[in-house]
C-alpha atoms as a PDB file:
ATOM      1  CA  MET A   1     -12.363  -1.682  12.306  1.00  0.00           C
ATOM      2  CA  ALA A   2     -16.185  -0.201  12.635  1.00  0.00           C
ATOM      3  CA  GLY A   3     -18.959  -1.890  10.721  1.00  0.00           C
ATOM      4  CA  ALA A   4     -20.266   1.165   9.222  1.00  0.00           C
ATOM      5  CA  LEU A   5     -19.384   2.622   6.351  1.00  0.00           C
ATOM      6  CA  ARG A   6     -17.865   6.042   6.759  1.00  0.00           C
ATOM      7  CA  ARG A   7     -18.555   8.624   4.506  1.00  0.00           C
ATOM      8  CA  CYS A   8     -16.709  11.986   3.919  1.00  0.00           C
ATOM      9  CA  SER A   9     -17.575  15.248   2.384  1.00  0.00           C
ATOM     10  CA  ALA A  10     -15.913  15.800  -1.065  1.00  0.00           C
ATOM     11  CA  ASP A  11     -14.899  19.269   0.142  1.00  0.00           C
ATOM     12  CA  HIS A  12     -13.054  18.057   3.013  1.00  0.00           C
ATOM     13  CA  ARG A  13      -9.940  20.039   4.225  1.00  0.00           C
ATOM     14  CA  PRO A  14      -6.970  19.377   6.668  1.00  0.00           C
ATOM     15  CA  SER A  15      -7.244  21.262  10.140  1.00  0.00           C
ATOM     16  CA  ALA A  16      -3.073  21.320   9.745  1.00  0.00           C
ATOM     17  CA  THR A  17      -0.104  21.284   7.204  1.00  0.00           C
ATOM     18  CA  ALA A  18       0.652  17.660   6.088  1.00  0.00           C
ATOM     19  CA  PRO A  19       3.680  16.518   7.656  1.00  0.00           C
ATOM     20  CA  SER A  20       6.634  15.989   5.077  1.00  0.00           C
ATOM     21  CA  PRO A  21       7.198  12.453   3.749  1.00  0.00           C
ATOM     22  CA  PHE A  22      11.099  12.782   4.721  1.00  0.00           C
ATOM     23  CA  LEU A  23       9.249  12.868   8.297  1.00  0.00           C
ATOM     24  CA  LEU A  24       7.092  10.067   7.847  1.00  0.00           C
ATOM     25  CA  ARG A  25       9.520   7.857   5.995  1.00  0.00           C
ATOM     26  CA  LEU A  26      11.245   7.291   9.380  1.00  0.00           C
ATOM     27  CA  ALA A  27       8.418   5.161  10.548  1.00  0.00           C
ATOM     28  CA  SER A  28       8.652   2.425   7.505  1.00  0.00           C
ATOM     29  CA  GLU A  29      12.305   2.907   7.338  1.00  0.00           C
ATOM     30  CA  ALA A  30      12.443   1.778  10.934  1.00  0.00           C
ATOM     31  CA  ALA A  31       9.878  -1.108  10.435  1.00  0.00           C
ATOM     32  CA  ALA A  32      12.077  -2.541   7.250  1.00  0.00           C
ATOM     33  CA  LEU A  33      15.105  -2.394   9.337  1.00  0.00           C
ATOM     34  CA  ALA A  34      14.071  -4.148  12.620  1.00  0.00           C
ATOM     35  CA  ALA A  35      12.003  -6.660  10.229  1.00  0.00           C
ATOM     36  CA  HIS A  36      14.836  -7.755   8.323  1.00  0.00           C
ATOM     37  CA  ARG A  37      16.523 -10.878   9.787  1.00  0.00           C
ATOM     38  CA  PRO A  38      19.415 -12.215   7.251  1.00  0.00           C
ATOM     39  CA  LEU A  39      19.725 -16.146   7.728  1.00  0.00           C
ATOM     40  CA  GLY A  40      22.377 -16.634   4.954  1.00  0.00           C
ATOM     41  CA  GLU A  41      22.392 -18.715   2.170  1.00  0.00           C
ATOM     42  CA  GLY A  42      19.517 -16.372   0.285  1.00  0.00           C
ATOM     43  CA  ARG A  43      17.068 -16.941   3.202  1.00  0.00           C
ATOM     44  CA  LEU A  44      15.354 -14.332   5.049  1.00  0.00           C
ATOM     45  CA  GLU A  45      13.341 -14.482   8.699  1.00  0.00           C
ATOM     46  CA  VAL A  46      10.815 -11.502   9.158  1.00  0.00           C
ATOM     47  CA  ASP A  47      10.632 -10.122  13.114  1.00  0.00           C
ATOM     48  CA  GLY A  48       7.089  -9.248  13.162  1.00  0.00           C
ATOM     49  CA  PRO A  49       6.792  -7.741  16.636  1.00  0.00           C
ATOM     50  CA  ALA A  50       9.730  -6.105  16.307  1.00  0.00           C
ATOM     51  CA  ALA A  51       8.681  -4.368  12.994  1.00  0.00           C
ATOM     52  CA  VAL A  52       5.536  -3.476  14.343  1.00  0.00           C
ATOM     53  CA  ALA A  53       7.343  -1.830  17.563  1.00  0.00           C
ATOM     54  CA  ALA A  54       9.656   0.106  15.350  1.00  0.00           C
ATOM     55  CA  MET A  55       7.068   1.975  13.353  1.00  0.00           C
ATOM     56  CA  ARG A  56       4.876   2.401  16.445  1.00  0.00           C
ATOM     57  CA  ALA A  57       8.079   3.889  18.196  1.00  0.00           C
ATOM     58  CA  ARG A  58       8.797   6.479  15.459  1.00  0.00           C
ATOM     59  CA  LEU A  59       5.182   7.558  14.761  1.00  0.00           C
ATOM     60  CA  GLY A  60       5.236   8.052  18.379  1.00  0.00           C
ATOM     61  CA  GLU A  61       8.147  10.745  18.041  1.00  0.00           C
ATOM     62  CA  LEU A  62       6.532  12.824  15.396  1.00  0.00           C
ATOM     63  CA  PRO A  63       5.537  16.086  15.412  1.00  0.00           C
ATOM     64  CA  PHE A  64       1.948  15.372  14.120  1.00  0.00           C
ATOM     65  CA  ARG A  65      -1.186  13.515  16.032  1.00  0.00           C
ATOM     66  CA  GLY A  66      -3.049  10.698  14.267  1.00  0.00           C
ATOM     67  CA  THR A  67      -5.635   7.640  14.507  1.00  0.00           C
ATOM     68  CA  VAL A  68      -5.053   4.429  12.922  1.00  0.00           C
ATOM     69  CA  THR A  69      -7.867   4.084  10.715  1.00  0.00           C
ATOM     70  CA  ALA A  70      -6.704   0.622   8.913  1.00  0.00           C
ATOM     71  CA  CYS A  71      -3.899  -2.016   9.711  1.00  0.00           C
ATOM     72  CA  THR A  72      -2.853  -5.211   9.191  1.00  0.00           C
ATOM     73  CA  ALA A  73      -2.791  -8.005  12.155  1.00  0.00           C
ATOM     74  CA  ALA A  74       1.119  -8.170  10.956  1.00  0.00           C
ATOM     75  CA  GLY A  75       3.041  -8.857  14.107  1.00  0.00           C
ATOM     76  CA  GLY A  76       0.637 -10.749  16.331  1.00  0.00           C
ATOM     77  CA  ASP A  77      -0.405  -9.874  19.819  1.00  0.00           C
ATOM     78  CA  ALA A  78       1.935  -6.286  19.272  1.00  0.00           C
ATOM     79  CA  ALA A  79       0.159  -5.562  16.006  1.00  0.00           C
ATOM     80  CA  PHE A  80      -1.632  -1.501  15.905  1.00  0.00           C
ATOM     81  CA  ARG A  81      -4.988  -1.566  16.796  1.00  0.00           C
ATOM     82  CA  PRO A  82      -7.751   0.465  14.791  1.00  0.00           C
ATOM     83  CA  GLY A  83      -8.113   3.967  16.705  1.00  0.00           C
ATOM     84  CA  GLU A  84      -5.023   3.634  18.427  1.00  0.00           C
ATOM     85  CA  ILE A  85      -3.424   7.191  18.637  1.00  0.00           C
ATOM     86  CA  LEU A  86      -0.145   8.333  17.733  1.00  0.00           C
ATOM     87  CA  GLY A  87       2.026  10.985  18.024  1.00  0.00           C
ATOM     88  CA  THR A  88       3.615  13.837  20.213  1.00  0.00           C
ATOM     89  CA  PRO A  89       1.330  16.735  19.907  1.00  0.00           C
ATOM     90  CA  PRO A  90      -1.749  17.129  22.727  1.00  0.00           C
ATOM     91  CA  ASP A  91      -4.124  18.126  20.187  1.00  0.00           C
ATOM     92  CA  PRO A  92      -7.006  16.152  18.967  1.00  0.00           C
ATOM     93  CA  PRO A  93      -6.019  13.657  15.885  1.00  0.00           C
ATOM     94  CA  ALA A  94      -5.745  15.867  12.622  1.00  0.00           C
ATOM     95  CA  TRP A  95      -4.851  12.348  10.487  1.00  0.00           C
ATOM     96  CA  ASP A  96      -5.722   9.262   9.461  1.00  0.00           C
ATOM     97  CA  LEU A  97      -3.145   6.808   9.405  1.00  0.00           C
ATOM     98  CA  VAL A  98      -3.156   3.195   7.289  1.00  0.00           C
ATOM     99  CA  LEU A  99       0.074   1.142   8.281  1.00  0.00           C
ATOM    100  CA  ASP A 100       1.523  -2.226   7.255  1.00  0.00           C
ATOM    101  CA  PRO A 101       4.870  -2.467   9.029  1.00  0.00           C
ATOM    102  CA  LEU A 102       5.190  -6.046   6.860  1.00  0.00           C
ATOM    103  CA  GLU A 103       3.541  -6.013   3.494  1.00  0.00           C
ATOM    104  CA  GLY A 104       4.155  -8.848   1.097  1.00  0.00           C
ATOM    105  CA  THR A 105       6.146 -10.987   3.776  1.00  0.00           C
ATOM    106  CA  THR A 106       3.905 -14.198   3.809  1.00  0.00           C
ATOM    107  CA  TRP A 107       5.995 -15.552   1.022  1.00  0.00           C
ATOM    108  CA  LEU A 108       9.771 -15.025   1.679  1.00  0.00           C
ATOM    109  CA  GLY A 109      12.832 -17.095   0.572  1.00  0.00           C
ATOM    110  CA  PRO A 110      15.201 -17.115  -2.306  1.00  0.00           C
ATOM    111  CA  GLY A 111      13.513 -15.612  -5.114  1.00  0.00           C
ATOM    112  CA  ARG A 112      10.696 -13.919  -3.316  1.00  0.00           C
ATOM    113  CA  THR A 113      10.407  -9.861  -3.787  1.00  0.00           C
ATOM    114  CA  ASN A 114       7.964  -6.933  -3.302  1.00  0.00           C
ATOM    115  CA  ALA A 115       7.961  -7.112   0.263  1.00  0.00           C
ATOM    116  CA  LEU A 116       7.919  -3.713   2.119  1.00  0.00           C
ATOM    117  CA  ALA A 117       6.913  -1.511   5.322  1.00  0.00           C
ATOM    118  CA  ALA A 118       4.247   0.955   4.523  1.00  0.00           C
ATOM    119  CA  VAL A 119       2.615   3.894   6.088  1.00  0.00           C
ATOM    120  CA  ALA A 120      -0.053   6.419   4.662  1.00  0.00           C
ATOM    121  CA  LEU A 121      -1.819   9.393   6.120  1.00  0.00           C
ATOM    122  CA  ALA A 122      -4.329  11.385   4.967  1.00  0.00           C
ATOM    123  CA  PRO A 123      -6.867  14.310   6.558  1.00  0.00           C
ATOM    124  CA  ARG A 124      -9.056  12.962   9.462  1.00  0.00           C
ATOM    125  CA  GLY A 125     -12.311  11.653   8.218  1.00  0.00           C
ATOM    126  CA  SER A 126     -11.016  11.284   4.745  1.00  0.00           C
ATOM    127  CA  LEU A 127     -10.517   7.555   4.107  1.00  0.00           C
ATOM    128  CA  PHE A 128     -12.880   5.135   2.923  1.00  0.00           C
ATOM    129  CA  ASP A 129     -13.773   2.397   5.580  1.00  0.00           C
ATOM    130  CA  PRO A 130     -13.954  -0.930   4.410  1.00  0.00           C
ATOM    131  CA  GLY A 131     -15.577  -2.140   7.968  1.00  0.00           C
ATOM    132  CA  PRO A 132     -15.124  -5.798   8.323  1.00  0.00           C
ATOM    133  CA  CYS A 133     -14.212  -6.461   4.895  1.00  0.00           C
ATOM    134  CA  PHE A 134     -10.822  -7.816   4.592  1.00  0.00           C
ATOM    135  CA  TYR A 135     -10.544  -8.124   0.625  1.00  0.00           C
ATOM    136  CA  MET A 136     -10.669  -5.794  -2.071  1.00  0.00           C
ATOM    137  CA  GLU A 137     -10.960  -5.605  -5.908  1.00  0.00           C
ATOM    138  CA  LYS A 138      -8.941  -2.935  -7.418  1.00  0.00           C
ATOM    139  CA  LEU A 139      -8.178  -1.749 -10.883  1.00  0.00           C
ATOM    140  CA  ILE A 140      -4.952   0.648 -11.169  1.00  0.00           C
ATOM    141  CA  ALA A 141      -3.871   2.142 -13.996  1.00  0.00           C
ATOM    142  CA  PRO A 142      -1.622   5.483 -14.990  1.00  0.00           C
ATOM    143  CA  ALA A 143      -2.987   8.996 -15.508  1.00  0.00           C
ATOM    144  CA  ALA A 144      -3.455   8.748 -18.797  1.00  0.00           C
ATOM    145  CA  ALA A 145      -6.071   6.108 -18.716  1.00  0.00           C
ATOM    146  CA  ALA A 146      -8.388   8.520 -16.573  1.00  0.00           C
ATOM    147  CA  GLY A 147     -12.123   8.985 -18.134  1.00  0.00           C
ATOM    148  CA  ALA A 148     -11.610   5.632 -20.493  1.00  0.00           C
ATOM    149  CA  LEU A 149     -11.793   2.672 -17.885  1.00  0.00           C
ATOM    150  CA  ASP A 150     -14.844   1.427 -16.515  1.00  0.00           C
ATOM    151  CA  PRO A 151     -14.130  -1.087 -13.782  1.00  0.00           C
ATOM    152  CA  ARG A 152     -17.205  -3.103 -15.197  1.00  0.00           C
ATOM    153  CA  MET A 153     -16.353  -3.643 -18.585  1.00  0.00           C
ATOM    154  CA  PRO A 154     -15.175  -6.735 -20.008  1.00  0.00           C
ATOM    155  CA  THR A 155     -11.303  -7.810 -19.119  1.00  0.00           C
ATOM    156  CA  ARG A 156     -10.630  -7.747 -23.202  1.00  0.00           C
ATOM    157  CA  GLU A 157     -12.422  -4.013 -23.326  1.00  0.00           C
ATOM    158  CA  LYS A 158     -10.318  -2.651 -19.989  1.00  0.00           C
ATOM    159  CA  LEU A 159      -6.984  -3.958 -22.038  1.00  0.00           C
ATOM    160  CA  GLU A 160      -8.047  -2.396 -25.310  1.00  0.00           C
ATOM    161  CA  ARG A 161      -9.314   0.968 -24.059  1.00  0.00           C
ATOM    162  CA  LEU A 162      -5.821   1.104 -21.599  1.00  0.00           C
ATOM    163  CA  ALA A 163      -3.270   0.257 -24.976  1.00  0.00           C
ATOM    164  CA  GLU A 164      -5.490   2.803 -26.870  1.00  0.00           C
ATOM    165  CA  CYS A 165      -4.578   5.388 -23.876  1.00  0.00           C
ATOM    166  CA  LEU A 166      -0.525   4.304 -23.922  1.00  0.00           C
ATOM    167  CA  GLU A 167      -0.480   4.568 -27.371  1.00  0.00           C
ATOM    168  CA  LYS A 168       0.872   0.767 -27.156  1.00  0.00           C
ATOM    169  CA  PRO A 169      -0.747  -2.567 -28.565  1.00  0.00           C
ATOM    170  CA  VAL A 170      -2.642  -4.595 -25.916  1.00  0.00           C
ATOM    171  CA  ARG A 171       0.494  -7.332 -26.737  1.00  0.00           C
ATOM    172  CA  GLY A 172       2.473  -4.316 -25.282  1.00  0.00           C
ATOM    173  CA  LEU A 173       0.904  -4.226 -21.871  1.00  0.00           C
ATOM    174  CA  THR A 174       1.438  -5.683 -18.550  1.00  0.00           C
ATOM    175  CA  VAL A 175      -0.471  -6.453 -15.923  1.00  0.00           C
ATOM    176  CA  TYR A 176       0.645  -7.104 -12.333  1.00  0.00           C
ATOM    177  CA  LEU A 177      -2.096  -9.787 -10.584  1.00  0.00           C
ATOM    178  CA  LEU A 178      -1.082 -11.611  -7.598  1.00  0.00           C
ATOM    179  CA  GLU A 179      -0.643 -15.405  -8.113  1.00  0.00           C
ATOM    180  CA  LYS A 180      -3.668 -16.767  -6.334  1.00  0.00           C
ATOM    181  CA  PRO A 181      -6.284 -19.664  -7.239  1.00  0.00           C
ATOM    182  CA  ARG A 182      -9.260 -16.883  -6.943  1.00  0.00           C
ATOM    183  CA  HIS A 183      -7.129 -15.327 -10.163  1.00  0.00           C
ATOM    184  CA  ASN A 184      -6.964 -17.855 -12.302  1.00  0.00           C
ATOM    185  CA  ARG A 185     -10.132 -16.832 -14.406  1.00  0.00           C
ATOM    186  CA  LEU A 186      -8.873 -13.356 -14.391  1.00  0.00           C
ATOM    187  CA  LEU A 187      -5.726 -14.473 -15.640  1.00  0.00           C
ATOM    188  CA  ALA A 188      -7.026 -16.603 -18.501  1.00  0.00           C
ATOM    189  CA  GLU A 189      -8.702 -13.620 -19.855  1.00  0.00           C
ATOM    190  CA  ILE A 190      -6.015 -10.899 -19.410  1.00  0.00           C
ATOM    191  CA  ARG A 191      -3.797 -13.712 -21.682  1.00  0.00           C
ATOM    192  CA  ARG A 192      -6.273 -14.671 -24.437  1.00  0.00           C
ATOM    193  CA  ALA A 193      -6.866 -10.817 -24.518  1.00  0.00           C
ATOM    194  CA  GLY A 194      -3.023 -10.368 -26.006  1.00  0.00           C
ATOM    195  CA  ALA A 195      -1.713  -8.949 -22.530  1.00  0.00           C
ATOM    196  CA  ARG A 196       1.467  -9.811 -20.408  1.00  0.00           C
ATOM    197  CA  VAL A 197       0.835 -10.927 -17.002  1.00  0.00           C
ATOM    198  CA  ALA A 198       3.294 -10.303 -13.913  1.00  0.00           C
ATOM    199  CA  LEU A 199       2.555 -12.942 -11.538  1.00  0.00           C
ATOM    200  CA  HIS A 200       3.695 -12.684  -8.051  1.00  0.00           C
ATOM    201  CA  PRO A 201       2.263 -14.533  -4.860  1.00  0.00           C
ATOM    202  CA  ALA A 202       2.880 -11.072  -2.815  1.00  0.00           C
ATOM    203  CA  GLY A 203       3.331  -7.700  -2.807  1.00  0.00           C
ATOM    204  CA  ASP A 204      -0.048  -6.038  -3.383  1.00  0.00           C
ATOM    205  CA  VAL A 205       1.039  -2.530  -2.680  1.00  0.00           C
ATOM    206  CA  ALA A 206       4.234  -2.807  -4.959  1.00  0.00           C
ATOM    207  CA  GLY A 207       2.349  -3.512  -7.766  1.00  0.00           C
ATOM    208  CA  ALA A 208      -0.544  -0.620  -7.423  1.00  0.00           C
ATOM    209  CA  VAL A 209       2.021   1.728  -6.814  1.00  0.00           C
ATOM    210  CA  MET A 210       4.387   0.938 -10.137  1.00  0.00           C
ATOM    211  CA  ALA A 211       0.795   0.570 -12.050  1.00  0.00           C
ATOM    212  CA  ALA A 212       0.174   4.535 -11.296  1.00  0.00           C
ATOM    213  CA  MET A 213       3.476   5.114 -12.250  1.00  0.00           C
ATOM    214  CA  PRO A 214       4.445   5.785 -15.985  1.00  0.00           C
ATOM    215  CA  GLY A 215       7.308   4.161 -17.096  1.00  0.00           C
ATOM    216  CA  SER A 216       7.960   1.546 -14.250  1.00  0.00           C
ATOM    217  CA  GLY A 217       6.846  -1.492 -16.872  1.00  0.00           C
ATOM    218  CA  ILE A 218       3.856  -2.065 -15.063  1.00  0.00           C
ATOM    219  CA  ASP A 219       0.770  -0.586 -17.104  1.00  0.00           C
ATOM    220  CA  ALA A 220      -2.076  -1.723 -14.750  1.00  0.00           C
ATOM    221  CA  LEU A 221      -2.979  -3.787 -11.669  1.00  0.00           C
ATOM    222  CA  MET A 222      -6.127  -6.077 -11.558  1.00  0.00           C
ATOM    223  CA  GLY A 223      -7.580  -8.533  -8.912  1.00  0.00           C
ATOM    224  CA  THR A 224      -8.465  -9.062  -5.055  1.00  0.00           C
ATOM    225  CA  GLY A 225      -5.886  -8.237  -2.684  1.00  0.00           C
ATOM    226  CA  GLY A 226      -5.673  -7.152   1.079  1.00  0.00           C
ATOM    227  CA  ALA A 227      -8.456  -4.002   2.072  1.00  0.00           C
ATOM    228  CA  VAL A 228      -5.644  -2.365   4.202  1.00  0.00           C
ATOM    229  CA  GLU A 229      -3.771  -2.722   0.987  1.00  0.00           C
ATOM    230  CA  GLY A 230      -6.027  -1.412  -1.394  1.00  0.00           C
ATOM    231  CA  LEU A 231      -6.242   1.962   0.893  1.00  0.00           C
ATOM    232  CA  LEU A 232      -2.244   1.899   1.093  1.00  0.00           C
ATOM    233  CA  ALA A 233      -2.462   1.768  -2.727  1.00  0.00           C
ATOM    234  CA  ALA A 234      -5.792   4.348  -3.003  1.00  0.00           C
ATOM    235  CA  CYS A 235      -3.342   7.033  -1.030  1.00  0.00           C
ATOM    236  CA  ALA A 236      -0.456   6.432  -3.192  1.00  0.00           C
ATOM    237  CA  VAL A 237      -2.051   6.850  -6.496  1.00  0.00           C
ATOM    238  CA  ARG A 238      -3.835   9.588  -5.259  1.00  0.00           C
ATOM    239  CA  ALA A 239      -0.609  11.491  -4.905  1.00  0.00           C
ATOM    240  CA  LEU A 240       0.821  10.101  -8.145  1.00  0.00           C
ATOM    241  CA  GLY A 241      -2.423  11.257 -10.197  1.00  0.00           C
ATOM    242  CA  GLY A 242      -3.269   7.802 -11.453  1.00  0.00           C
ATOM    243  CA  VAL A 243      -6.600   5.867 -12.041  1.00  0.00           C
ATOM    244  CA  CYS A 244      -7.966   3.557  -9.307  1.00  0.00           C
ATOM    245  CA  PHE A 245     -11.029   2.157  -8.574  1.00  0.00           C
ATOM    246  CA  ALA A 246     -11.939  -0.491  -5.856  1.00  0.00           C
ATOM    247  CA  ARG A 247     -14.857  -2.583  -4.809  1.00  0.00           C
ATOM    248  CA  LEU A 248     -15.131  -5.064  -1.346  1.00  0.00           C
ATOM    249  CA  ASP A 249     -14.755  -8.250  -2.166  1.00  0.00           C
ATOM    250  CA  PRO A 250     -14.705 -10.512   0.822  1.00  0.00           C
ATOM    251  CA  GLN A 251     -13.305 -14.474   0.643  1.00  0.00           C
ATOM    252  CA  LEU A 252     -14.195 -16.174   3.197  1.00  0.00           C
ATOM    253  CA  ALA A 253     -17.861 -17.468   4.978  1.00  0.00           C
ATOM    254  CA  GLY A 254     -17.745 -15.732   7.760  1.00  0.00           C
ATOM    255  CA  GLU A 255     -16.284 -12.607   6.276  1.00  0.00           C
ATOM    256  CA  ARG A 256     -18.646 -12.239   3.963  1.00  0.00           C
ATOM    257  CA  ARG A 257     -21.672 -12.695   6.660  1.00  0.00           C
ATOM    258  CA  ARG A 258     -19.794  -9.935   8.430  1.00  0.00           C
ATOM    259  CA  VAL A 259     -19.735  -7.702   5.479  1.00  0.00           C
ATOM    260  CA  ALA A 260     -23.796  -8.425   4.837  1.00  0.00           C
ATOM    261  CA  GLU A 261     -24.620  -7.760   8.580  1.00  0.00           C
ATOM    262  CA  ALA A 262     -22.789  -4.397   8.250  1.00  0.00           C
ATOM    263  CA  GLY A 263     -24.858  -3.387   5.316  1.00  0.00           C
ATOM    264  CA  LEU A 264     -22.093  -2.877   2.992  1.00  0.00           C
ATOM    265  CA  ASP A 265     -22.317  -2.939  -0.645  1.00  0.00           C
ATOM    266  CA  THR A 266     -19.683  -5.417  -2.434  1.00  0.00           C
ATOM    267  CA  THR A 267     -21.309  -4.766  -6.161  1.00  0.00           C
ATOM    268  CA  ARG A 268     -20.720  -0.930  -6.384  1.00  0.00           C
ATOM    269  CA  TRP A 269     -16.974  -0.016  -7.729  1.00  0.00           C
ATOM    270  CA  LEU A 270     -15.742   3.000  -5.703  1.00  0.00           C
ATOM    271  CA  ALA A 271     -13.876   5.794  -7.603  1.00  0.00           C
ATOM    272  CA  LEU A 272     -10.349   7.325  -6.092  1.00  0.00           C
ATOM    273  CA  GLU A 273     -12.018  10.422  -5.140  1.00  0.00           C
ATOM    274  CA  GLU A 274     -14.399   8.214  -2.831  1.00  0.00           C
ATOM    275  CA  LEU A 275     -11.572   5.823  -1.286  1.00  0.00           C
ATOM    276  CA  VAL A 276      -9.389   8.822  -0.409  1.00  0.00           C
ATOM    277  CA  THR A 277     -11.954  12.760  -0.633  1.00  0.00           C
ATOM    278  CA  ALA A 278      -8.656  14.577   0.533  1.00  0.00           C
ATOM    279  CA  PRO A 279      -5.699  15.085  -1.716  1.00  0.00           C
ATOM    280  CA  GLU A 280      -2.995  16.077   1.076  1.00  0.00           C
ATOM    281  CA  VAL A 281      -2.186  12.487   1.214  1.00  0.00           C
ATOM    282  CA  THR A 282       1.372  11.328   1.966  1.00  0.00           C
ATOM    283  CA  PHE A 283       2.760   8.118   1.171  1.00  0.00           C
ATOM    284  CA  CYS A 284       5.974   6.312   2.605  1.00  0.00           C
ATOM    285  CA  ALA A 285       7.467   2.498   1.661  1.00  0.00           C
ATOM    286  CA  THR A 286      10.587   0.884   2.469  1.00  0.00           C
ATOM    287  CA  GLY A 287      11.698  -2.110   0.557  1.00  0.00           C
ATOM    288  CA  ILE A 288      12.410  -5.119   3.256  1.00  0.00           C
ATOM    289  CA  THR A 289      13.680  -7.546   0.039  1.00  0.00           C
ATOM    290  CA  ASP A 290      14.281  -6.573  -3.510  1.00  0.00           C
ATOM    291  CA  GLY A 291      11.385  -5.889  -5.478  1.00  0.00           C
ATOM    292  CA  LEU A 292       9.903  -4.529  -8.961  1.00  0.00           C
ATOM    293  CA  LEU A 293       9.334  -1.406  -6.836  1.00  0.00           C
ATOM    294  CA  LEU A 294      12.506  -0.827  -4.028  1.00  0.00           C
ATOM    295  CA  GLU A 295      15.085  -2.665  -3.024  1.00  0.00           C
ATOM    296  CA  GLY A 296      15.357  -4.467   0.033  1.00  0.00           C
ATOM    297  CA  VAL A 297      17.413  -3.848   3.305  1.00  0.00           C
ATOM    298  CA  ARG A 298      21.162  -4.717   2.512  1.00  0.00           C
ATOM    299  CA  ARG A 299      24.235  -4.569   4.585  1.00  0.00           C
ATOM    300  CA  GLN A 300      27.337  -2.566   3.043  1.00  0.00           C
ATOM    301  CA  ALA A 301      30.323  -2.296   4.802  1.00  0.00           C
ATOM    302  CA  ASP A 302      29.135  -1.430   8.704  1.00  0.00           C
ATOM    303  CA  ARG A 303      26.019   0.157   7.234  1.00  0.00           C
ATOM    304  CA  LEU A 304      22.577  -0.907   6.428  1.00  0.00           C
ATOM    305  CA  ARG A 305      21.384   0.377   3.408  1.00  0.00           C
ATOM    306  CA  THR A 306      17.896   1.003   2.975  1.00  0.00           C
ATOM    307  CA  GLN A 307      15.802   2.587  -0.164  1.00  0.00           C
ATOM    308  CA  THR A 308      12.229   4.256   0.474  1.00  0.00           C
ATOM    309  CA  LEU A 309       9.642   6.137  -1.814  1.00  0.00           C
ATOM    310  CA  MET A 310       8.362   9.119  -0.556  1.00  0.00           C
ATOM    311  CA  LEU A 311       5.241  10.319  -2.035  1.00  0.00           C
ATOM    312  CA  SER A 312       3.334  13.863  -1.770  1.00  0.00           C
ATOM    313  CA  GLY A 313      -0.089  14.619  -2.631  1.00  0.00           C
ATOM    314  CA  LEU A 314       0.530  17.967  -1.813  1.00  0.00           C
ATOM    315  CA  THR A 315       3.152  18.781  -4.022  1.00  0.00           C
ATOM    316  CA  GLY A 316       2.469  15.839  -6.483  1.00  0.00           C
ATOM    317  CA  GLU A 317       6.160  14.923  -6.071  1.00  0.00           C
ATOM    318  CA  HIS A 318       7.796  11.597  -5.579  1.00  0.00           C
ATOM    319  CA  GLN A 319      11.219  11.121  -4.226  1.00  0.00           C
ATOM    320  CA  LEU A 320      13.427   7.640  -3.746  1.00  0.00           C
ATOM    321  CA  LEU A 321      15.650   7.956  -1.084  1.00  0.00           C
ATOM    322  CA  THR A 322      18.676   5.673  -0.329  1.00  0.00           C
ATOM    323  CA  GLY A 323      19.442   6.066   3.893  1.00  0.00           C
ATOM    324  CA  PHE A 324      22.491   4.488   5.119  1.00  0.00           C
ATOM    325  CA  HIS A 325      22.120   3.120   8.815  1.00  0.00           C
ATOM    326  CA  LEU A 326      24.310   1.856  11.833  1.00  0.00           C
ATOM    327  CA  PRO A 327      23.270  -1.505  12.687  1.00  0.00           C
ATOM    328  CA  ALA A 328      21.068  -1.422  16.243  1.00  0.00           C
ATOM    329  CA  THR A 329      23.413  -2.764  19.017  1.00  0.00           C
ATOM    330  CA  PRO A 330      22.263  -3.513  22.947  1.00  0.00           C
ATOM    331  CA  SER A 331      24.182  -0.556  23.398  1.00  0.00           C
ATOM    332  CA  ARG A 332      23.349   1.993  20.765  1.00  0.00           C
ATOM    333  CA  GLY A 333      19.434   0.678  20.410  1.00  0.00           C
ATOM    334  CA  ALA A 334      17.653   1.228  17.440  1.00  0.00           C
ATOM    335  CA  PRO A 335      19.808   2.153  14.111  1.00  0.00           C
ATOM    336  CA  ARG A 336      21.001   5.475  13.628  1.00  0.00           C
ATOM    337  CA  ARG A 337      20.638   7.614  10.274  1.00  0.00           C
END
């Protein structure tokens, strides 16, 4: 990804109609189905290259043209590449794509949750570019907290403000936090303030979506996760109308050096409208394993069942789709719908 920060005008408008979430979900479904490799006794193996190949193939068939703007390194040598163009029309790309076919799959096994395949789409040039930064700190909350939160506030004050907005006591709040050593201090601050903490080893995107979705059981997401996951989260929150702030937060020495060389500001918090400047976003996520947000891929009789969340910034709708697919066979190829 380019080191320079991409800035976009607030009045950016797409040159084409946003693809339907119902179409885009084919890509996340394909990745989840290809990734899911049950081994029995609650164990699960993930096929990274197969998930990437399946998502790439589906995106290549869809009737729009998009450029991969941000992507994880999932899939090794088969991974998506920034600048890769996908879609069928011969027209210049009108959309930016953020792709993670294996989000939250680092910690798989019995009891591990929230793994999913996710794809987001926004008008070309409308997404913030984190450059060489791999990590991003985020604060995400429901729409009811709009205008009340400042990410620079002390943790206790943020939680007190959020509790007022949601009309519940601080002890009634649940904050989603990745279970990482870097969050030890933040974890202690949240608990001292009296709020509950939902600790998970992975699942940054699932937590962010739930934090912006009223009634999900998660009232906020705090802490540092991946930058690609941060952009996926920002697209989802933009579609849901929630609150999102983020800042670049490099964790590794080499990453800090590259971020400094690129001249990127790691102290400035970006508002949602700076992360995604256009409202015409589409977000889809399909569960790989069971989690708080989505059920994972399951066998049901002779079919594989998936659950997909589809969000549209254009309409403000969010839909949960259960799909049933014939398993792939050597003669049949990819699962049929």
